[in-house]
Amino acid sequence: MKKKELLKHIPENPKEPFIKRIRTPDGKALMTVLPDSKRVHFTWGNGYLSYYPEAGIWAREKITAWCYVEHWPDDEESMREVRSFCGGLYGSPVDKIKHYEDSVSWKKQCDAQQKKHRRISQAMKAVPAMPPHFVDWLKKRYQKAEDKYQHIHFASLYQRMPSGKIVERIFRVQFFRNPEEVSITEIVRGYANEIGAEQWNDWYYGTDRNFYGTKQRWWDKKTIISCTPKQTDFYTGNLEEMGISLRGREIIKGIPGPVYRWKLMEAVKWTPDLAEQAVKAGLGRCLREFINAKGAEGVAKMADALERIGRQKAKRLIQMNANSMMLITMDLCPKVTDETLKEIGKIRSDAAQDIIADIAGRGLNINHVWTLMMKTGKEMSLLQRLTEYRDYLDMAARRSCDIHSEIIYRNKRWKHFHDQYVEELNRKKEEERAARFQGIRKDLKRNQELFEWQQDGYFVRPAESAEDIIREGRLQHHCVGASDWYMKQMAERKSWIVFLRKAEDPETPWYTVEVDKTGIRQAYAAYDRKPDWEEIDKVLKAWMKHVKKNFAAVEAEERVGSKAQPEAAELMAAG
């Protein structure tokens, strides 16, 4: 619809809203005049526009777009015009136009999606057919896996397109118990210039799931959000026709599980000799983990570790089908037993593995450490135990203790000493914080005169020091002691922290209150709660009346004292 044709129908200075059908060379349209919003809206067969005459601006918006409208067209003539254009018997004129425009918008979206889908489907026809033995390879790959029912497996198939580009096709494999069947679904296609590219140039998702099952329907990354598996198994049946060297093929075939394909191809390119040696030695599992960690750099790291431990220890690892953690542990702790190695090899937490490597790297006997971890701290997870044990070693070293002494590193009471060290460290930090706000302690007498009060079974006292505030926050589990703000405010006499306690038990924390000269800023019990608040509110209001009187008296006394000091100084000078 041409805008210049629509402009010809806009009336000058309309007073009342109305709706009118108009005819243009491009077809019929519906014109809605809205004087309140200084706006004229047009609706036609497959579109809509708004025009703002005063500003001379067009906007692609629906009739219900945000704007000030006090009076919508509701006269009989407008209703007839809308019915004639939009159809239907019920609803206001504006509602009818809205529903009409919604349908126009929806149809445009659907048409655009269909056009895009046809274009993508046409492009997908160029993808080569699946290799004849690919499905058999998948089933054989996962059929004997102990966890095949618990996990969903992913495999990558690389093929060369007629254009010369490489397409990576990722398949989802899931086994079912009853009946014994397997589901194999292609879920993503990624296009790149080389095998194992870290980033695809273009990529598409390919499954729609509903009540009736799964349908292959390709769509692009811009409209569908999903998680693409990073590690997949690498199909080995067409490696030669993909141009991969004999050595590269041997390496890829020797990787026993999911792998980052770009890191694997990096290892094939830059460290083929080392990777091939590891595969032929029977350390494919270990190699896979080193590749997944650091690619070619990981392969070199693995080779260096094998050289350091020697052939005899390497044979032990081969017999145990060792993983990377077992090799790292043996490299750092040559005296490690096979039993300890096997247990460490079962750990799947990267954080726990890093801590074990750190401990072994300190020259400690990892066999003794592992036994200690199995016998102590069982109320915690293994990661928590290892974390706190490492912290225990660090704190013992800072206290000039010899962590290589069995008295230290094999101490069954290590958890007790760890907690003791932490408590001492926290206390030292609190003391350092509190030292910056000595003004609170200096003001204690003044603050007691201002705030101390007892009535109706309750007792109020001011915080005596910064340490007092920190301790209150820790016991009450709120922020008053965690932030320096409250201590700074109190030291500068801008606001004060006081404690509301039960008179029968004045030492047990109850409510923590922040107050200034004008009134109570906030008051909370433990965990920022307010138990018995209706009663407490009355108590605090009564106390506040007392505080305001005290402020008036104390400040008056201080003003008199400040005047007397210069006079006394003058007398002394004269004498």
Protein backbone atom coordinates (compact mmCIF):
# COMPACT_ATOMS: atom_id res chain seq x y z
CA MET A 1 0.00 0.00 0.00
CA LYS A 2 1.56 3.30 -1.10
CA LYS A 3 1.81 5.91 1.66
CA LYS A 4 1.15 8.87 -0.67
CA GLU A 5 -2.20 7.33 -1.62
CA LEU A 6 -3.14 6.87 2.04
CA LEU A 7 -2.26 10.49 2.83
CA LYS A 8 -4.90 11.75 0.39
CA HIS A 9 -7.67 10.40 2.66
CA ILE A 10 -6.60 11.97 5.98
CA PRO A 11 -9.12 14.64 7.09
CA GLU A 12 -8.03 18.07 8.35
CA ASN A 13 -8.47 18.82 12.07
CA PRO A 14 -10.90 16.02 12.97
CA LYS A 15 -12.77 16.56 16.27
CA GLU A 16 -14.22 13.11 16.88
CA PRO A 17 -12.78 9.63 16.36
CA PHE A 18 -14.22 7.58 13.52
CA ILE A 19 -13.54 4.66 11.20
CA LYS A 20 -14.04 4.74 7.45
CA ARG A 21 -13.39 2.44 4.51
CA ILE A 22 -11.28 3.99 1.77
CA ARG A 23 -10.28 2.95 -1.74
CA THR A 24 -6.80 3.36 -3.22
CA PRO A 25 -5.22 2.20 -6.51
CA ASP A 26 -3.68 -0.64 -4.49
CA GLY A 27 -6.99 -1.80 -3.05
CA LYS A 28 -9.37 -1.20 -0.14
CA ALA A 29 -8.25 -0.11 3.33
CA LEU A 30 -9.73 0.82 6.68
CA MET A 31 -8.85 4.26 8.13
CA THR A 32 -9.17 4.85 11.90
CA VAL A 33 -8.93 8.51 12.96
CA LEU A 34 -7.84 9.04 16.60
CA PRO A 35 -7.71 12.77 17.49
CA ASP A 36 -6.73 12.08 21.13
CA SER A 37 -3.40 10.62 20.10
CA LYS A 38 -2.98 12.80 17.00
CA ARG A 39 -2.80 9.62 14.99
CA VAL A 40 -4.41 8.08 11.93
CA HIS A 41 -4.24 4.30 11.56
CA PHE A 42 -4.59 2.30 8.35
CA THR A 43 -5.42 -1.39 7.97
CA TRP A 44 -5.53 -3.33 4.69
CA GLY A 45 -5.52 -6.86 3.41
CA ASN A 46 -1.97 -7.81 4.40
CA GLY A 47 -0.63 -4.91 6.43
CA TYR A 48 -1.10 -1.94 8.74
CA LEU A 49 0.52 1.46 9.43
CA SER A 50 0.06 4.47 11.72
CA TYR A 51 0.64 8.07 10.71
CA TYR A 52 1.27 11.03 13.03
CA PRO A 53 0.33 14.19 11.04
CA GLU A 54 1.94 16.76 13.34
CA ALA A 55 5.30 15.01 13.27
CA GLY A 56 4.97 13.65 9.74
CA ILE A 57 6.05 10.21 10.91
CA TRP A 58 4.94 6.73 9.81
CA ALA A 59 5.11 3.82 12.23
CA ARG A 60 4.66 0.09 11.53
CA GLU A 61 2.45 -0.63 14.53
CA LYS A 62 -0.88 -2.24 15.29
CA ILE A 63 -3.93 -0.22 16.26
CA THR A 64 -3.49 -1.11 19.93
CA ALA A 65 0.13 0.10 20.05
CA TRP A 66 0.88 2.16 23.16
CA CYS A 67 -0.43 5.68 22.91
CA TYR A 68 -2.83 8.00 24.70
CA VAL A 69 -6.42 7.35 23.55
CA GLU A 70 -9.33 8.53 25.65
CA HIS A 71 -12.04 8.08 23.07
CA TRP A 72 -12.12 5.15 20.66
CA PRO A 73 -14.61 5.10 17.74
CA ASP A 74 -17.83 3.42 18.90
CA ASP A 75 -20.52 5.02 16.74
CA GLU A 76 -22.85 2.96 14.55
CA GLU A 77 -21.32 4.13 11.28
CA SER A 78 -17.83 3.10 12.42
CA MET A 79 -19.20 -0.28 13.52
CA ARG A 80 -20.79 -0.89 10.09
CA GLU A 81 -17.55 0.05 8.33
CA VAL A 82 -15.52 -2.34 10.47
CA ARG A 83 -17.99 -5.21 10.05
CA SER A 84 -17.97 -4.73 6.32
CA PHE A 85 -14.14 -4.82 6.21
CA CYS A 86 -13.24 -7.32 8.97
CA GLY A 87 -16.39 -9.44 9.21
CA GLY A 88 -17.83 -10.84 12.45
CA LEU A 89 -20.81 -9.80 14.56
CA TYR A 90 -19.43 -9.34 18.05
CA GLY A 91 -16.85 -7.12 19.75
CA SER A 92 -15.96 -3.44 19.62
CA PRO A 93 -14.62 -1.88 16.41
CA VAL A 94 -11.12 -1.66 17.86
CA ASP A 95 -11.19 -5.31 19.02
CA LYS A 96 -12.23 -6.43 15.53
CA ILE A 97 -9.40 -4.47 13.93
CA LYS A 98 -6.94 -5.85 16.49
CA HIS A 99 -7.93 -9.46 15.78
CA TYR A 100 -7.72 -8.80 12.05
CA GLU A 101 -4.21 -7.33 12.35
CA ASP A 102 -3.10 -10.18 14.61
CA SER A 103 -4.13 -12.66 11.94
CA VAL A 104 -2.28 -10.63 9.28
CA SER A 105 0.88 -10.61 11.41
CA TRP A 106 0.64 -14.34 12.14
CA LYS A 107 0.17 -15.21 8.46
CA LYS A 108 3.24 -13.16 7.51
CA GLN A 109 5.33 -15.00 10.08
CA CYS A 110 4.08 -18.37 8.88
CA ASP A 111 4.74 -17.49 5.24
CA ALA A 112 8.28 -16.32 6.04
CA GLN A 113 8.98 -19.51 8.00
CA GLN A 114 7.65 -21.73 5.22
CA LYS A 115 9.76 -19.92 2.63
CA LYS A 116 12.84 -20.27 4.80
CA HIS A 117 12.13 -23.93 5.49
CA ARG A 118 11.79 -24.71 1.79
CA ARG A 119 15.15 -23.03 1.15
CA ILE A 120 16.85 -25.02 3.94
CA SER A 121 15.23 -28.31 2.87
CA GLN A 122 16.49 -27.77 -0.67
CA ALA A 123 20.02 -27.21 0.63
CA MET A 124 19.82 -30.38 2.77
CA LYS A 125 19.21 -32.51 -0.34
CA ALA A 126 22.87 -32.03 -1.26
CA VAL A 127 24.04 -33.92 1.87
CA PRO A 128 25.47 -37.34 0.90
CA ALA A 129 23.67 -40.50 1.90
CA MET A 130 24.53 -42.17 5.18
CA PRO A 131 27.36 -44.77 4.89
CA PRO A 132 25.97 -48.32 4.60
CA HIS A 133 27.54 -49.61 7.83
CA PHE A 134 27.13 -46.47 9.94
CA VAL A 135 24.12 -47.67 11.98
CA ASP A 136 25.80 -51.03 12.62
CA TRP A 137 28.90 -49.16 13.80
CA LEU A 138 26.81 -47.13 16.25
CA LYS A 139 25.10 -50.19 17.71
CA LYS A 140 28.39 -52.07 18.05
CA ARG A 141 30.04 -49.00 19.62
CA TYR A 142 27.56 -48.74 22.47
CA GLN A 143 25.99 -52.21 22.70
CA LYS A 144 28.48 -53.47 25.27
CA ALA A 145 28.62 -50.28 27.34
CA GLU A 146 27.74 -50.97 30.97
CA ASP A 147 25.85 -47.69 31.26
CA LYS A 148 24.10 -47.84 27.87
CA TYR A 149 20.64 -47.58 29.47
CA GLN A 150 21.54 -44.70 31.75
CA HIS A 151 23.19 -42.41 29.24
CA ILE A 152 22.45 -40.94 25.85
CA HIS A 153 25.36 -41.26 23.45
CA PHE A 154 26.41 -38.90 20.66
CA ALA A 155 28.46 -39.67 17.57
CA SER A 156 29.83 -37.50 14.74
CA LEU A 157 29.84 -38.47 11.07
CA TYR A 158 31.97 -36.36 8.71
CA GLN A 159 31.17 -36.21 4.98
CA ARG A 160 32.35 -34.15 2.04
CA MET A 161 29.74 -32.05 0.23
CA PRO A 162 29.67 -31.61 -3.58
CA SER A 163 30.78 -27.99 -2.95
CA GLY A 164 33.94 -29.24 -1.25
CA LYS A 165 32.81 -28.18 2.25
CA ILE A 166 32.72 -30.61 5.16
CA VAL A 167 29.46 -31.44 6.91
CA GLU A 168 29.53 -32.82 10.46
CA ARG A 169 26.40 -34.82 11.28
CA ILE A 170 25.77 -35.53 14.99
CA PHE A 171 23.57 -38.47 15.95
CA ARG A 172 21.79 -39.15 19.23
CA VAL A 173 21.78 -42.82 20.31
CA GLN A 174 19.56 -44.14 23.09
CA PHE A 175 18.95 -47.73 24.18
CA PHE A 176 15.74 -49.01 25.77
CA ARG A 177 15.31 -51.98 28.11
CA ASN A 178 11.90 -53.28 27.11
CA PRO A 179 11.74 -54.03 24.32
CA GLU A 180 15.40 -54.25 23.46
CA GLU A 181 15.59 -51.48 20.89
CA VAL A 182 17.71 -48.49 20.02
CA SER A 183 16.72 -44.99 18.89
CA ILE A 184 19.11 -43.26 16.47
CA THR A 185 18.27 -39.67 15.56
CA GLU A 186 20.27 -37.10 13.63
CA ILE A 187 20.08 -33.88 15.64
CA VAL A 188 22.46 -31.37 14.07
CA ARG A 189 24.41 -30.62 10.89
CA GLY A 190 27.36 -28.25 10.93
CA TYR A 191 29.20 -26.97 7.85
CA ALA A 192 32.89 -26.07 7.88
CA ASN A 193 35.97 -26.00 5.64
CA GLU A 194 37.85 -28.77 7.45
CA ILE A 195 37.33 -31.88 9.58
CA GLY A 196 37.08 -31.15 13.28
CA ALA A 197 36.57 -27.39 12.99
CA GLU A 198 36.01 -25.79 16.38
CA GLN A 199 33.50 -23.36 14.90
CA TRP A 200 30.96 -24.15 12.17
CA ASN A 201 30.25 -21.66 9.40
CA ASP A 202 26.60 -22.68 9.32
CA TRP A 203 24.65 -25.18 11.36
CA TYR A 204 21.14 -26.59 11.55
CA TYR A 205 19.01 -28.52 14.06
CA GLY A 206 16.94 -31.36 12.78
CA THR A 207 14.34 -32.90 15.11
CA ASP A 208 10.79 -32.00 15.99
CA ARG A 209 9.34 -34.11 18.82
CA ASN A 210 5.65 -34.35 19.60
CA PHE A 211 3.02 -36.85 20.77
CA TYR A 212 3.26 -38.77 17.52
CA GLY A 213 7.03 -39.24 17.58
CA THR A 214 10.07 -37.62 15.96
CA LYS A 215 10.12 -35.91 12.58
CA GLN A 216 13.18 -34.83 10.62
CA ARG A 217 12.80 -31.11 10.00
CA TRP A 218 15.85 -28.88 9.59
CA TRP A 219 16.03 -25.35 10.93
CA ASP A 220 18.86 -22.93 11.50
CA LYS A 221 20.61 -21.71 14.60
CA LYS A 222 19.02 -18.28 14.53
CA THR A 223 15.58 -19.52 15.47
CA ILE A 224 16.18 -22.62 17.59
CA ILE A 225 18.16 -22.62 20.82
CA SER A 226 19.60 -25.95 21.97
CA CYS A 227 22.66 -27.50 23.52
CA THR A 228 24.94 -29.18 21.01
CA PRO A 229 27.09 -31.93 22.55
CA LYS A 230 30.71 -30.80 22.72
CA GLN A 231 32.24 -34.27 23.01
CA THR A 232 31.14 -37.01 20.63
CA ASP A 233 32.40 -40.34 19.31
CA PHE A 234 34.22 -40.08 15.98
CA TYR A 235 32.92 -42.36 13.19
CA THR A 236 35.92 -44.25 11.77
CA GLY A 237 34.42 -46.05 8.76
CA ASN A 238 35.15 -43.35 6.15
CA LEU A 239 38.36 -41.78 7.42
CA GLU A 240 40.41 -42.76 4.39
CA GLU A 241 38.00 -41.26 1.85
CA MET A 242 37.95 -38.10 4.00
CA GLY A 243 41.69 -37.76 3.30
CA ILE A 244 43.01 -38.57 6.79
CA SER A 245 46.47 -40.16 6.85
CA LEU A 246 47.10 -43.73 8.01
CA ARG A 247 48.66 -42.51 11.22
CA GLY A 248 45.74 -40.16 11.84
CA ARG A 249 43.30 -43.02 11.25
CA GLU A 250 45.10 -45.21 13.79
CA ILE A 251 44.97 -42.45 16.40
CA ILE A 252 41.27 -41.74 15.86
CA LYS A 253 40.39 -45.45 15.99
CA GLY A 254 42.34 -45.78 19.25
CA ILE A 255 40.25 -43.16 21.09
CA PRO A 256 37.72 -45.19 23.14
CA GLY A 257 35.10 -42.54 23.97
CA PRO A 258 33.67 -39.08 23.36
CA VAL A 259 36.23 -36.44 22.42
CA TYR A 260 36.47 -32.79 21.41
CA ARG A 261 36.91 -33.36 17.66
CA TRP A 262 38.89 -30.14 17.01
CA LYS A 263 41.32 -31.01 19.81
CA LEU A 264 41.70 -34.52 18.46
CA MET A 265 42.48 -33.23 14.96
CA GLU A 266 44.92 -30.77 16.50
CA ALA A 267 46.76 -33.71 18.11
CA VAL A 268 46.70 -35.62 14.80
CA LYS A 269 48.24 -32.61 13.05
CA TRP A 270 50.88 -31.50 15.56
CA THR A 271 51.78 -34.52 17.73
CA PRO A 272 51.04 -37.60 15.58
CA ASP A 273 54.10 -39.60 16.71
CA LEU A 274 53.39 -39.21 20.42
CA ALA A 275 49.66 -39.86 20.04
CA GLU A 276 50.26 -42.98 17.93
CA GLN A 277 52.72 -44.36 20.49
CA ALA A 278 50.16 -43.90 23.27
CA VAL A 279 47.46 -45.68 21.25
CA LYS A 280 49.73 -48.62 20.34
CA ALA A 281 50.81 -48.93 23.97
CA GLY A 282 47.18 -49.40 25.03
CA LEU A 283 46.74 -46.02 26.71
CA GLY A 284 43.93 -44.74 24.49
CA ARG A 285 41.70 -43.91 27.47
CA CYS A 286 44.44 -41.84 29.07
CA LEU A 287 45.23 -40.17 25.73
CA ARG A 288 41.58 -39.20 25.20
CA GLU A 289 41.45 -37.37 28.53
CA PHE A 290 44.70 -35.52 27.90
CA ILE A 291 43.45 -34.50 24.44
CA ASN A 292 40.12 -33.32 25.85
CA ALA A 293 42.01 -31.24 28.39
CA LYS A 294 44.64 -29.52 26.22
CA GLY A 295 44.71 -30.98 22.70
CA ALA A 296 48.21 -31.36 21.25
CA GLU A 297 49.70 -29.74 24.36
CA GLY A 298 48.01 -32.44 26.43
CA VAL A 299 49.57 -35.18 24.30
CA ALA A 300 53.03 -33.69 24.87
CA LYS A 301 52.30 -33.43 28.61
CA MET A 302 51.28 -37.09 28.70
CA ALA A 303 54.44 -38.16 26.83
CA ASP A 304 56.65 -36.24 29.28
CA ALA A 305 54.93 -37.90 32.26
CA LEU A 306 55.37 -41.38 30.76
CA GLU A 307 59.05 -40.72 30.18
CA ARG A 308 59.51 -39.62 33.80
CA ILE A 309 57.82 -42.65 35.36
CA GLY A 310 59.68 -45.19 33.21
CA ARG A 311 58.62 -48.37 31.42
CA GLN A 312 57.89 -50.51 34.46
CA LYS A 313 55.40 -48.07 35.97
CA ALA A 314 53.95 -47.44 32.51
CA LYS A 315 53.24 -51.17 32.21
CA ARG A 316 51.33 -51.01 35.49
CA LEU A 317 49.17 -48.23 34.08
CA ILE A 318 48.55 -50.15 30.85
CA GLN A 319 47.41 -53.22 32.82
CA MET A 320 44.93 -51.06 34.78
CA ASN A 321 43.64 -49.27 31.65
CA ALA A 322 44.64 -46.04 33.37
CA ASN A 323 43.11 -42.63 32.91
CA SER A 324 44.90 -39.28 32.98
CA MET A 325 44.45 -38.79 36.72
CA MET A 326 46.16 -42.11 37.46
CA LEU A 327 49.14 -41.15 35.31
CA ILE A 328 49.42 -37.69 36.89
CA THR A 329 49.27 -39.21 40.39
CA MET A 330 51.94 -41.81 39.62
CA ASP A 331 54.16 -39.11 38.10
CA LEU A 332 53.87 -36.94 41.21
CA CYS A 333 53.96 -39.78 43.76
CA PRO A 334 56.07 -42.75 42.49
CA LYS A 335 55.28 -44.85 45.59
CA VAL A 336 51.52 -44.87 44.99
CA THR A 337 49.98 -48.34 45.16
CA ASP A 338 47.76 -49.91 42.53
CA GLU A 339 44.85 -49.97 44.99
CA THR A 340 45.13 -46.23 45.64
CA LEU A 341 45.51 -45.52 41.93
CA LYS A 342 42.34 -47.43 41.07
CA GLU A 343 40.34 -45.51 43.69
CA ILE A 344 41.70 -42.16 42.54
CA GLY A 345 40.93 -43.14 38.95
CA LYS A 346 37.23 -43.43 39.86
CA ILE A 347 36.99 -39.72 40.77
CA ARG A 348 35.02 -37.73 38.20
CA SER A 349 35.21 -34.29 39.81
CA ASP A 350 37.77 -32.04 38.08
CA ALA A 351 38.12 -29.98 41.27
CA ALA A 352 38.85 -33.07 43.37
CA GLN A 353 41.39 -34.27 40.81
CA ASP A 354 43.18 -30.91 40.90
CA ILE A 355 43.40 -31.03 44.70
CA ILE A 356 44.81 -34.58 44.68
CA ALA A 357 47.40 -33.51 42.12
CA ASP A 358 48.27 -30.51 44.32
CA ILE A 359 48.67 -32.68 47.42
CA ALA A 360 50.74 -35.29 45.59
CA GLY A 361 52.88 -32.51 44.13
CA ARG A 362 53.91 -31.44 47.66
CA GLY A 363 55.87 -34.67 48.05
CA LEU A 364 53.41 -36.32 50.45
CA ASN A 365 52.70 -40.04 50.40
CA ILE A 366 49.35 -40.11 48.61
CA ASN A 367 48.64 -43.64 49.92
CA HIS A 368 48.63 -42.34 53.49
CA VAL A 369 46.60 -39.27 52.50
CA TRP A 370 43.99 -41.36 50.71
CA THR A 371 43.63 -43.73 53.67
CA LEU A 372 43.21 -40.73 55.96
CA MET A 373 40.49 -39.29 53.70
CA MET A 374 38.62 -42.62 53.73
CA LYS A 375 38.71 -42.89 57.55
CA THR A 376 38.00 -39.28 58.60
CA GLY A 377 35.47 -36.59 57.80
CA LYS A 378 32.91 -39.07 56.48
CA GLU A 379 30.11 -36.59 57.21
CA MET A 380 31.45 -34.53 54.29
CA SER A 381 31.70 -35.28 50.59
CA LEU A 382 35.06 -36.33 49.19
CA LEU A 383 35.52 -32.93 47.53
CA GLN A 384 34.80 -31.14 50.83
CA ARG A 385 37.26 -33.38 52.66
CA LEU A 386 40.01 -32.81 50.13
CA THR A 387 39.38 -29.06 50.05
CA GLU A 388 39.51 -28.64 53.82
CA TYR A 389 42.50 -31.01 54.12
CA ARG A 390 44.46 -28.93 51.60
CA ASP A 391 43.52 -25.78 53.54
CA TYR A 392 44.70 -27.53 56.73
CA LEU A 393 48.10 -28.18 55.11
CA ASP A 394 48.35 -24.56 53.94
CA MET A 395 47.52 -23.17 57.38
CA ALA A 396 49.91 -25.59 59.09
CA ALA A 397 52.70 -24.47 56.74
CA ARG A 398 51.98 -20.80 57.55
CA ARG A 399 52.44 -21.70 61.23
CA SER A 400 55.92 -23.04 60.35
CA CYS A 401 54.84 -26.69 60.76
CA ASP A 402 56.62 -29.35 58.69
CA ILE A 403 53.77 -30.72 56.54
CA HIS A 404 56.00 -33.65 55.46
CA SER A 405 56.06 -34.92 59.04
CA GLU A 406 53.63 -37.79 59.54
CA ILE A 407 52.51 -36.13 62.78
CA ILE A 408 51.11 -33.33 60.62
CA TYR A 409 49.90 -34.80 57.35
CA ARG A 410 48.64 -38.12 58.85
CA ASN A 411 46.99 -36.54 61.89
CA LYS A 412 43.53 -38.07 62.37
CA ARG A 413 42.44 -34.84 64.10
CA TRP A 414 43.24 -32.72 61.07
CA LYS A 415 39.61 -31.53 60.82
CA HIS A 416 39.71 -30.28 64.43
CA PHE A 417 42.90 -28.32 63.81
CA HIS A 418 41.55 -27.01 60.50
CA ASP A 419 38.49 -25.55 62.24
CA GLN A 420 40.69 -24.15 64.99
CA TYR A 421 42.97 -22.45 62.45
CA VAL A 422 39.96 -21.00 60.62
CA GLU A 423 38.53 -19.64 63.87
CA GLU A 424 41.86 -18.01 64.75
CA LEU A 425 42.14 -16.54 61.27
CA ASN A 426 38.62 -15.12 61.41
CA ARG A 427 39.25 -13.69 64.86
CA LYS A 428 42.44 -11.98 63.66
CA LYS A 429 40.61 -10.50 60.65
CA GLU A 430 37.82 -9.25 62.90
CA GLU A 431 40.34 -7.64 65.24
CA GLU A 432 42.01 -5.89 62.30
CA ARG A 433 38.63 -4.60 61.11
CA ALA A 434 37.56 -3.49 64.56
CA ALA A 435 40.83 -1.59 65.16
CA ARG A 436 39.76 0.96 62.53
CA PHE A 437 36.71 2.00 64.57
CA GLN A 438 38.04 2.71 68.06
CA GLY A 439 35.72 5.70 68.33
CA ILE A 440 32.89 3.34 69.27
CA ARG A 441 34.65 2.18 72.43
CA LYS A 442 35.63 5.77 73.32
CA ASP A 443 31.96 6.81 73.09
CA LEU A 444 30.73 3.98 75.32
CA LYS A 445 29.86 6.10 78.36
CA ARG A 446 28.03 8.65 76.18
CA ASN A 447 26.17 5.92 74.30
CA GLN A 448 25.11 4.27 77.55
CA GLU A 449 23.62 7.56 78.74
CA LEU A 450 21.73 7.87 75.47
CA PHE A 451 20.42 4.36 74.86
CA GLU A 452 20.38 2.16 77.99
CA TRP A 453 16.83 1.42 79.06
CA GLN A 454 14.75 -1.31 80.72
CA GLN A 455 10.96 -1.71 80.76
CA ASP A 456 8.23 -4.34 80.32
CA GLY A 457 10.67 -7.25 80.52
CA TYR A 458 13.02 -5.87 77.88
CA PHE A 459 16.52 -4.41 78.10
CA VAL A 460 18.35 -2.15 75.61
CA ARG A 461 22.09 -1.45 75.53
CA PRO A 462 24.40 0.07 72.91
CA ALA A 463 27.14 -1.88 71.17
CA GLU A 464 30.25 -1.46 73.30
CA SER A 465 32.81 -1.78 70.47
CA ALA A 466 33.30 -2.77 66.86
CA GLU A 467 34.07 -6.31 68.04
CA ASP A 468 30.70 -6.33 69.78
CA ILE A 469 28.93 -5.47 66.49
CA ILE A 470 30.85 -8.13 64.54
CA ARG A 471 30.03 -10.79 67.14
CA GLU A 472 26.34 -9.80 67.11
CA GLY A 473 26.19 -10.12 63.30
CA ARG A 474 27.84 -13.55 63.40
CA LEU A 475 25.49 -14.87 66.10
CA GLN A 476 22.38 -13.38 64.48
CA HIS A 477 23.36 -14.32 60.91
CA HIS A 478 22.66 -10.90 59.43
CA CYS A 479 24.72 -8.20 57.75
CA VAL A 480 25.33 -5.80 60.66
CA GLY A 481 28.74 -7.32 61.37
CA ALA A 482 29.65 -8.25 57.83
CA SER A 483 29.76 -4.67 56.57
CA ASP A 484 32.01 -1.87 57.82
CA TRP A 485 29.21 0.59 57.10
CA TYR A 486 27.45 0.28 60.44
CA MET A 487 30.68 0.55 62.43
CA LYS A 488 31.76 3.58 60.42
CA GLN A 489 28.39 5.26 60.97
CA MET A 490 28.57 4.63 64.70
CA ALA A 491 32.16 5.81 65.05
CA GLU A 492 31.17 9.05 63.26
CA ARG A 493 28.02 9.47 65.43
CA LYS A 494 25.70 9.33 62.41
CA SER A 495 23.76 6.25 63.52
CA TRP A 496 24.10 3.74 66.32
CA ILE A 497 23.76 -0.02 66.77
CA VAL A 498 21.94 -1.11 69.91
CA PHE A 499 20.80 -4.50 71.16
CA LEU A 500 17.30 -5.26 72.40
CA ARG A 501 17.37 -8.21 74.82
CA LYS A 502 14.98 -9.89 77.19
CA ALA A 503 15.62 -8.54 80.69
CA GLU A 504 15.71 -12.03 82.17
CA ASP A 505 18.48 -13.02 79.73
CA PRO A 506 20.36 -9.84 78.73
CA GLU A 507 23.36 -11.69 77.25
CA THR A 508 21.42 -13.66 74.65
CA PRO A 509 20.92 -11.84 71.31
CA TRP A 510 17.31 -11.00 70.43
CA TYR A 511 16.86 -7.90 68.24
CA THR A 512 19.57 -5.77 66.60
CA VAL A 513 18.50 -2.15 66.07
CA GLU A 514 19.97 0.70 64.01
CA VAL A 515 18.90 4.13 65.23
CA ASP A 516 19.72 7.78 64.56
CA LYS A 517 18.59 11.06 66.11
CA THR A 518 15.30 11.05 64.21
CA GLY A 519 14.17 7.50 64.91
CA ILE A 520 14.64 3.79 64.24
CA ARG A 521 16.12 2.94 60.84
CA GLN A 522 15.73 -0.82 61.06
CA ALA A 523 15.31 -3.63 63.57
CA TYR A 524 15.76 -7.37 62.97
CA ALA A 525 16.14 -10.57 64.91
CA ALA A 526 18.21 -13.57 63.73
CA TYR A 527 18.22 -14.29 59.98
CA ASP A 528 16.60 -10.89 59.27
CA ARG A 529 13.30 -11.99 60.81
CA LYS A 530 10.84 -10.07 63.01
CA PRO A 531 9.22 -12.37 65.59
CA ASP A 532 6.57 -10.87 67.90
CA TRP A 533 6.88 -7.65 65.90
CA GLU A 534 3.63 -6.02 67.04
CA GLU A 535 4.77 -6.15 70.67
CA ILE A 536 8.39 -5.28 69.82
CA ASP A 537 7.29 -2.28 67.76
CA LYS A 538 5.45 -0.84 70.78
CA VAL A 539 8.48 -1.45 73.03
CA LEU A 540 10.84 0.28 70.58
CA LYS A 541 8.54 3.29 70.18
CA ALA A 542 8.43 3.71 73.97
CA TRP A 543 12.20 3.37 74.13
CA MET A 544 12.63 5.93 71.32
CA LYS A 545 10.75 8.58 73.32
CA HIS A 546 13.27 8.01 76.12
CA VAL A 547 16.19 8.25 73.65
CA LYS A 548 15.06 11.57 72.16
CA LYS A 549 14.88 13.11 75.66
CA ASN A 550 18.37 11.80 76.38
CA PHE A 551 19.70 13.26 73.13
CA ALA A 552 18.35 16.67 74.04
CA ALA A 553 19.91 16.53 77.50
CA VAL A 554 23.31 15.14 76.43
CA GLU A 555 23.73 17.54 73.50
CA ALA A 556 22.75 20.51 75.68
CA GLU A 557 25.36 19.47 78.23
CA GLU A 558 27.96 19.08 75.46
CA ARG A 559 27.21 22.55 74.11
CA VAL A 560 27.72 24.06 77.59
CA GLY A 561 30.97 22.13 77.95
CA SER A 562 32.28 23.28 74.57
CA LYS A 563 31.71 26.95 75.57
CA ALA A 564 33.35 26.50 78.95
CA GLN A 565 36.57 25.09 77.52
CA PRO A 566 37.70 28.25 75.66
CA GLU A 567 36.85 30.40 78.73
CA ALA A 568 38.96 28.17 80.95
CA ALA A 569 41.80 28.39 78.47
CA GLU A 570 41.63 32.20 78.48
CA LEU A 571 41.75 32.30 82.31
CA MET A 572 44.76 30.03 82.33
CA ALA A 573 46.53 32.20 79.79
CA ALA A 574 45.76 35.34 81.80
CA GLY A 575 46.96 33.78 85.05
